[in-house]
Each structure stands twice: as C-alpha cells, then as structure tokens.
Protein backbone atom coordinates (compact mmCIF):
# COMPACT_ATOMS: atom_id res chain seq x y z
CA MET A 1 0.00 0.00 0.00
CA ALA A 2 1.33 3.42 -0.99
CA ILE A 3 0.29 6.69 0.61
CA TYR A 4 0.32 9.86 -1.49
CA ALA A 5 -0.47 13.46 -0.66
CA TYR A 6 -1.43 16.02 -3.27
CA LEU A 7 -0.71 19.72 -2.72
CA ARG A 8 -1.70 22.51 -5.09
CA VAL A 9 -1.49 26.30 -5.17
CA SER A 10 -2.59 28.48 -8.07
CA THR A 11 0.20 31.08 -8.16
CA LYS A 12 3.85 31.39 -7.17
CA GLU A 13 2.82 33.94 -4.54
CA GLN A 14 0.99 31.21 -2.63
CA ASP A 15 2.59 28.67 -0.33
CA SER A 16 1.54 25.04 0.05
CA GLN A 17 3.21 24.66 3.46
CA TYR A 18 -0.09 25.01 5.31
CA GLN A 19 -1.59 22.13 3.31
CA LYS A 20 1.51 20.04 3.96
CA ASN A 21 1.40 20.68 7.71
CA MET A 22 -2.27 19.72 7.91
CA ILE A 23 -1.65 16.49 6.01
CA LEU A 24 1.45 15.58 8.04
CA ASN A 25 -0.47 16.07 11.29
CA TYR A 26 -3.28 13.88 10.01
CA ALA A 27 -0.85 11.22 8.77
CA ASN A 28 0.96 11.11 12.10
CA GLU A 29 -2.29 10.84 14.06
CA ASN A 30 -3.47 7.95 11.87
CA SER A 31 -0.10 6.19 11.47
CA TYR A 32 0.06 6.77 7.71
CA SER A 33 3.72 6.47 6.75
CA PRO A 34 5.67 7.07 4.63
CA VAL A 35 3.83 9.77 2.66
CA THR A 36 4.92 10.69 -0.87
CA PHE A 37 4.10 14.33 -1.62
CA VAL A 38 3.18 15.65 -5.06
CA ASP A 39 3.28 19.45 -5.06
CA GLU A 40 2.45 21.71 -8.00
CA THR A 41 1.64 25.30 -8.86
CA MET A 42 -1.22 25.22 -11.31
CA SER A 43 -4.70 26.68 -11.70
CA GLY A 44 -7.44 24.32 -10.60
CA ALA A 45 -9.36 25.39 -13.71
CA LYS A 46 -7.03 23.19 -15.80
CA SER A 47 -8.12 19.61 -16.32
CA TYR A 48 -6.57 17.21 -13.82
CA LYS A 49 -5.32 15.23 -16.84
CA ASN A 50 -3.01 18.12 -17.72
CA ARG A 51 -1.68 18.48 -14.19
CA ALA A 52 0.67 16.46 -12.02
CA LEU A 53 -2.48 15.13 -10.40
CA GLY A 54 -3.28 13.20 -13.58
CA ASN A 55 0.07 11.37 -13.45
CA LEU A 56 -0.45 10.70 -9.75
CA LEU A 57 -3.88 9.14 -10.33
CA ASN A 58 -2.38 6.83 -12.96
CA LYS A 59 0.07 5.53 -10.34
CA LEU A 60 -2.63 4.48 -7.89
CA SER A 61 -3.06 0.80 -7.18
CA SER A 62 -5.49 -1.21 -5.10
CA GLY A 63 -5.32 -0.22 -1.44
CA ASP A 64 -3.40 3.03 -2.03
CA ILE A 65 -4.41 6.17 -0.18
CA LEU A 66 -4.49 9.73 -1.55
CA LEU A 67 -4.49 12.50 1.05
CA VAL A 68 -5.75 15.98 0.09
CA ASN A 69 -6.32 18.84 2.50
CA GLU A 70 -9.64 19.95 0.97
CA PHE A 71 -11.78 19.34 -2.11
CA SER A 72 -10.81 22.60 -3.80
CA ARG A 73 -7.20 21.39 -4.15
CA LEU A 74 -8.42 18.78 -6.65
CA GLY A 75 -10.10 21.29 -8.95
CA ARG A 76 -12.52 24.16 -9.35
CA SER A 77 -15.29 22.26 -11.09
CA LEU A 78 -17.67 20.00 -9.22
CA LEU A 79 -17.90 17.70 -12.23
CA ASP A 80 -14.09 17.44 -12.39
CA ILE A 81 -13.91 16.53 -8.73
CA LEU A 82 -16.56 13.85 -9.07
CA GLU A 83 -14.69 12.48 -12.10
CA ILE A 84 -11.47 12.36 -10.08
CA ILE A 85 -13.28 10.48 -7.31
CA LYS A 86 -14.53 8.02 -9.92
CA VAL A 87 -10.97 7.45 -11.23
CA ILE A 88 -9.69 6.86 -7.69
CA ASN A 89 -12.47 4.33 -7.05
CA LYS A 90 -11.67 2.64 -10.36
CA HIS A 91 -8.13 2.01 -9.09
CA ASP A 92 -9.66 0.61 -5.87
CA ALA A 93 -7.81 3.33 -3.95
CA GLN A 94 -9.06 5.62 -1.20
CA LEU A 95 -9.35 9.41 -1.15
CA ILE A 96 -9.14 11.13 2.22
CA ILE A 97 -10.12 14.79 2.63
CA VAL A 98 -7.99 15.65 5.65
CA ARG A 99 -9.76 18.79 6.84
CA ASP A 100 -13.09 16.98 7.15
CA ASN A 101 -11.68 13.54 7.97
CA LEU A 102 -13.80 12.29 5.09
CA LYS A 103 -12.85 8.93 3.56
CA ILE A 104 -14.14 8.15 0.09
CA SER A 105 -13.71 4.69 -1.40
CA ASP A 106 -15.60 2.30 -3.65
CA ASP A 107 -17.04 0.35 -0.75
CA MET A 108 -18.97 3.38 0.39
CA SER A 109 -20.95 3.66 -2.85
CA SER A 110 -24.18 2.68 -1.08
CA LYS A 111 -23.61 5.43 1.49
CA LEU A 112 -22.67 8.01 -1.12
CA LEU A 113 -26.27 8.56 -2.16
CA THR A 114 -27.34 9.50 1.38
CA THR A 115 -24.32 11.74 1.98
CA MET A 116 -24.06 13.31 -1.49
CA PHE A 117 -25.91 16.47 -0.61
CA GLY A 118 -23.59 17.05 2.33
CA ILE A 119 -20.53 16.38 0.19
CA VAL A 120 -21.75 18.64 -2.61
CA SER A 121 -22.38 21.41 -0.08
CA GLU A 122 -18.85 21.06 1.28
CA ILE A 123 -17.36 21.03 -2.22
CA GLU A 124 -19.29 24.11 -3.33
CA ARG A 125 -18.26 26.01 -0.21
CA ASP A 126 -14.61 25.08 -0.70
CA LEU A 127 -14.69 26.01 -4.37
CA LEU A 128 -16.28 29.40 -3.73
CA LYS A 129 -13.82 30.21 -0.97
CA SER A 130 -10.92 29.11 -3.16
CA ARG A 131 -12.07 31.13 -6.21
CA VAL A 132 -12.48 34.30 -4.14
CA LYS A 133 -9.06 33.88 -2.52
CA GLU A 134 -7.30 33.07 -5.79
CA GLY A 135 -9.06 35.96 -7.53
CA LEU A 136 -7.87 38.42 -4.90
CA ILE A 137 -4.32 37.11 -5.08
CA ALA A 138 -4.30 37.31 -8.89
CA ALA A 139 -5.69 40.85 -8.80
CA LYS A 140 -3.06 41.90 -6.27
CA ALA A 141 -0.32 40.38 -8.43
CA ARG A 142 -1.56 42.53 -11.35
CA GLY A 143 -1.17 45.62 -9.20
CA VAL A 144 -4.88 46.11 -8.57
CA LYS A 145 -5.51 47.97 -5.33
CA LEU A 146 -8.01 46.01 -3.28
CA GLY A 147 -10.64 47.48 -1.02
CA ARG A 148 -12.95 50.42 -1.36
CA LYS A 149 -11.73 53.22 -3.57
CA PRO A 150 -11.00 56.44 -1.69
CA GLY A 151 -13.21 59.45 -2.20
CA PRO A 152 -16.71 60.57 -1.29
CA ALA A 153 -19.59 58.19 -1.76
CA LYS A 154 -21.86 58.84 -4.72
CA SER A 155 -25.15 60.61 -4.06
CA LYS A 156 -28.26 60.54 -6.21
CA LEU A 157 -28.05 64.33 -6.15
CA ASP A 158 -24.61 64.43 -7.78
CA PRO A 159 -26.05 64.78 -11.31
CA HIS A 160 -28.10 67.77 -10.09
CA LYS A 161 -25.29 69.68 -8.40
CA GLU A 162 -25.24 72.53 -10.94
CA LEU A 163 -29.02 72.80 -10.85
CA ILE A 164 -29.02 72.98 -7.05
CA GLN A 165 -26.42 75.72 -7.20
CA GLU A 166 -28.60 77.61 -9.69
CA TYR A 167 -31.61 77.32 -7.38
CA LEU A 168 -29.54 78.58 -4.45
CA ASN A 169 -28.38 81.56 -6.50
CA LYS A 170 -32.02 82.36 -7.25
CA GLU A 171 -32.70 82.29 -3.48
CA ILE A 172 -35.13 79.39 -3.74
CA SER A 173 -35.59 77.85 -0.31
CA LYS A 174 -33.95 74.54 0.44
CA ALA A 175 -37.32 73.02 1.29
CA SER A 176 -38.62 74.02 -2.14
CA ILE A 177 -35.49 72.67 -3.85
CA ALA A 178 -36.02 69.34 -2.10
CA LYS A 179 -39.59 69.22 -3.40
CA LEU A 180 -38.49 70.12 -6.93
CA LEU A 181 -35.95 67.28 -6.90
CA SER A 182 -38.29 64.85 -5.13
CA VAL A 183 -35.86 64.13 -2.29
CA ASN A 184 -36.02 64.25 1.47
CA LYS A 185 -35.08 67.63 2.95
CA GLN A 186 -32.38 66.07 5.10
CA THR A 187 -30.84 64.44 2.02
CA LEU A 188 -30.61 67.83 0.35
CA TYR A 189 -29.25 69.52 3.48
CA SER A 190 -26.54 66.84 3.83
CA PHE A 191 -25.63 67.21 0.14
CA ILE A 192 -25.31 71.01 0.39
CA LYS A 193 -23.25 70.70 3.57
CA LYS A 194 -21.01 68.06 2.03
CA TYR A 195 -20.07 70.31 -0.88
CA LYS A 196 -20.23 73.54 1.18
CA MET A 197 -22.68 75.02 -1.27
CA LYS A 198 -24.14 78.50 -0.83
CA LYS A 199 -25.55 81.33 -2.88
CA THR A 200 -22.99 82.85 -5.23
CA THR A 201 -23.22 86.21 -6.90
CA LEU A 202 -22.34 86.34 -10.55
CA SER A 203 -20.20 89.32 -11.54
C-alpha cells in the first residue's frame, strides 16, 4: 500500500506549506507512513489530466491512499472533482479529505447517495472560498488595489449639483429645492453641507 499526498497552489505567490502541515499532522495521528508528496503550482481550472495530479492518479493501485487537504485542491469544477473520485475508485484506492476527515472509497458507494448532498455542499463552499481567494491574489499580483476606492460616496443628487447651485443663487428655499428634486429635505441639506454650497453672486 502506498500513501500519497497532493498539494496545489494556483500562483507562485501562494505557499503550500499550510496544506503540507495539515496532512502531516493527520498522517501522524493515523499512522500513515511514509507519505509521498506531489506538489504543484497550477490553476485548478485546468483539467486534472493536464496536471501532475493526472500522473499521480495513474500511479494508484489497489489499497493506495491519496491525502488531500480539501476538495478545492483537486479542482474548481464540481464535475471534475466527481470524475477524479470516480478514477480513484476505479483504481480501488481511497481518497481522504484531511480537513473533514472524510474517507471516500468504492465500498462506500451505497452510502454516497445518502451523503451526497452534504458532500456537494462542502465542495461548493470550498470552491467558492478558493475562487475568491485566488481571484484576490491574482488581482493583487496585477497591481490592482483592493478594497474600497477612496473618495466621497456617490449621491443621487450628484447629477443635479449645478441645478441645485442655480436654485440657491435664485434664493429658492432649500425646502422648495427638495420638493423640486423629489428628495427628502435632510438628504438635500446633507448634500449642500457636504459640498459647502451656498448662494454665489455672478459678476
């Protein structure tokens, strides 16, 4: 029986050490030794057949164990992950998702139907979390500044700023301006205060 562990990160800026530590702890606790690690930097959007994972799956034999920290390390598509599980079962090997202590093998086929919804839920959550994280890392690598852009928040009165100024110059009351623009008086007052608007005299 051979024991393998698959690690994957999407970019060079990421580190697989966390995955490795989690798997090593699990292996030690369950007396799985020795563990052969397969580590690669590759987008999970690529087919497993075009990744080191594909070569690893071809090596599996009956009784072998494949350790993975979480479902999202296998791929970003639910269908791909289910196909990978099918390949592992075909080799009569066992897949263990370390984080959830979930063991998937061919002899649990009868149980798979009753637990599928739970598994799918876990997979979808992992995939969403992974896509968001990888997207942020990729954006940061491109120099995109993350977070809210600085500057004042947009107001629905912004397009009417010049008109409001014109009304103020004509000494129309703020209450009347609010009615003309169909907005709450407080909204108008806050807008005028924000931009420090007041009556101006044209020369």
